[in-house]
Protein backbone atom coordinates (compact mmCIF):
# COMPACT_ATOMS: atom_id res chain seq x y z
CA UNK A 1 43.73 -58.85 -75.98
CA UNK A 2 45.49 -57.71 -79.18
CA UNK A 3 48.31 -55.18 -79.01
CA UNK A 4 47.63 -51.73 -80.42
CA UNK A 5 49.60 -50.62 -83.47
CA UNK A 6 49.97 -46.90 -84.21
CA UNK A 7 51.61 -45.07 -87.10
CA UNK A 8 53.51 -41.81 -86.74
CA UNK A 9 56.53 -39.69 -87.59
CA UNK A 10 59.83 -39.86 -85.69
CA UNK A 11 60.62 -36.49 -84.11
CA UNK A 12 63.76 -37.42 -82.13
CA UNK A 13 66.33 -40.21 -82.02
CA UNK A 14 69.05 -38.67 -79.85
CA UNK A 15 68.84 -41.29 -77.09
CA UNK A 16 70.36 -44.74 -77.51
CA UNK A 17 67.74 -47.32 -78.64
CA UNK A 18 64.91 -44.83 -78.07
CA UNK A 19 62.89 -42.77 -80.52
CA UNK A 20 60.11 -40.27 -79.98
CA UNK A 21 57.17 -40.83 -82.32
CA UNK A 22 54.44 -38.24 -82.88
CA UNK A 23 51.07 -39.83 -83.67
CA UNK A 24 48.26 -37.74 -85.13
CA UNK A 25 44.59 -38.69 -84.91
CA UNK A 26 41.64 -37.02 -86.62
CA UNK A 27 38.08 -37.11 -85.39
CA UNK A 28 34.85 -35.20 -85.84
CA UNK A 29 33.67 -33.02 -82.97
CA UNK A 30 30.32 -34.38 -81.78
CA UNK A 31 28.57 -30.99 -81.61
CA UNK A 32 30.40 -28.67 -83.99
CA UNK A 33 30.87 -31.38 -86.69
CA UNK A 34 34.33 -30.03 -87.39
CA UNK A 35 37.33 -32.27 -88.06
CA UNK A 36 39.88 -31.91 -85.26
CA UNK A 37 43.55 -32.97 -85.35
CA UNK A 38 45.22 -34.03 -82.10
CA UNK A 39 48.79 -35.21 -81.70
CA UNK A 40 50.47 -37.21 -78.98
CA UNK A 41 54.10 -38.24 -78.52
CA UNK A 42 55.17 -41.76 -77.59
CA UNK A 43 58.65 -42.99 -76.65
CA UNK A 44 59.42 -46.27 -78.38
CA UNK A 45 62.23 -48.82 -78.18
CA UNK A 46 64.38 -49.12 -81.32
CA UNK A 47 66.70 -52.11 -80.91
CA UNK A 48 68.79 -51.52 -84.03
CA UNK A 49 69.09 -47.70 -83.98
CA UNK A 50 68.32 -47.44 -87.71
CA UNK A 51 65.29 -45.14 -87.56
CA UNK A 52 65.97 -41.50 -88.39
CA UNK A 53 64.15 -38.24 -87.80
CA UNK A 54 61.26 -37.74 -90.23
CA UNK A 55 60.75 -41.46 -90.91
CA UNK A 56 57.23 -42.86 -90.94
CA UNK A 57 57.13 -45.84 -88.55
CA UNK A 58 54.67 -48.20 -86.93
CA UNK A 59 54.88 -48.79 -83.18
CA UNK A 60 53.36 -51.61 -81.15
CA UNK A 61 52.53 -51.90 -77.46
CA UNK A 62 54.89 -54.02 -75.38
CA UNK A 63 55.76 -54.73 -71.78
CA UNK A 64 57.35 -51.73 -70.03
CA UNK A 65 61.04 -51.44 -70.92
CA UNK A 66 61.66 -48.36 -68.73
CA UNK A 67 59.72 -45.70 -66.88
CA UNK A 68 58.53 -44.03 -70.09
CA UNK A 69 58.91 -46.72 -72.79
CA UNK A 70 55.96 -49.08 -73.32
CA UNK A 71 56.09 -49.15 -77.13
CA UNK A 72 58.48 -50.74 -79.63
CA UNK A 73 59.22 -49.99 -83.28
CA UNK A 74 58.00 -52.66 -85.68
CA UNK A 75 60.62 -53.77 -88.22
CA UNK A 76 59.31 -53.96 -91.76
């Protein structure tokens, strides 16, 4: 099964080797036919500590690295 890749904006990088990424998804409501925006935050592993707040990053699923981290930042 392929690993999911999401794109979002970094909202926090205060912890060592960890960033918080906010991912936004848009979809159409099935009844009202209105476009809805929903956001969700993911904690991702950043090995090199080079990502800053406000950066647009891609994150990929990985094996659990801690209790809350199951994503890692893709290096481009």
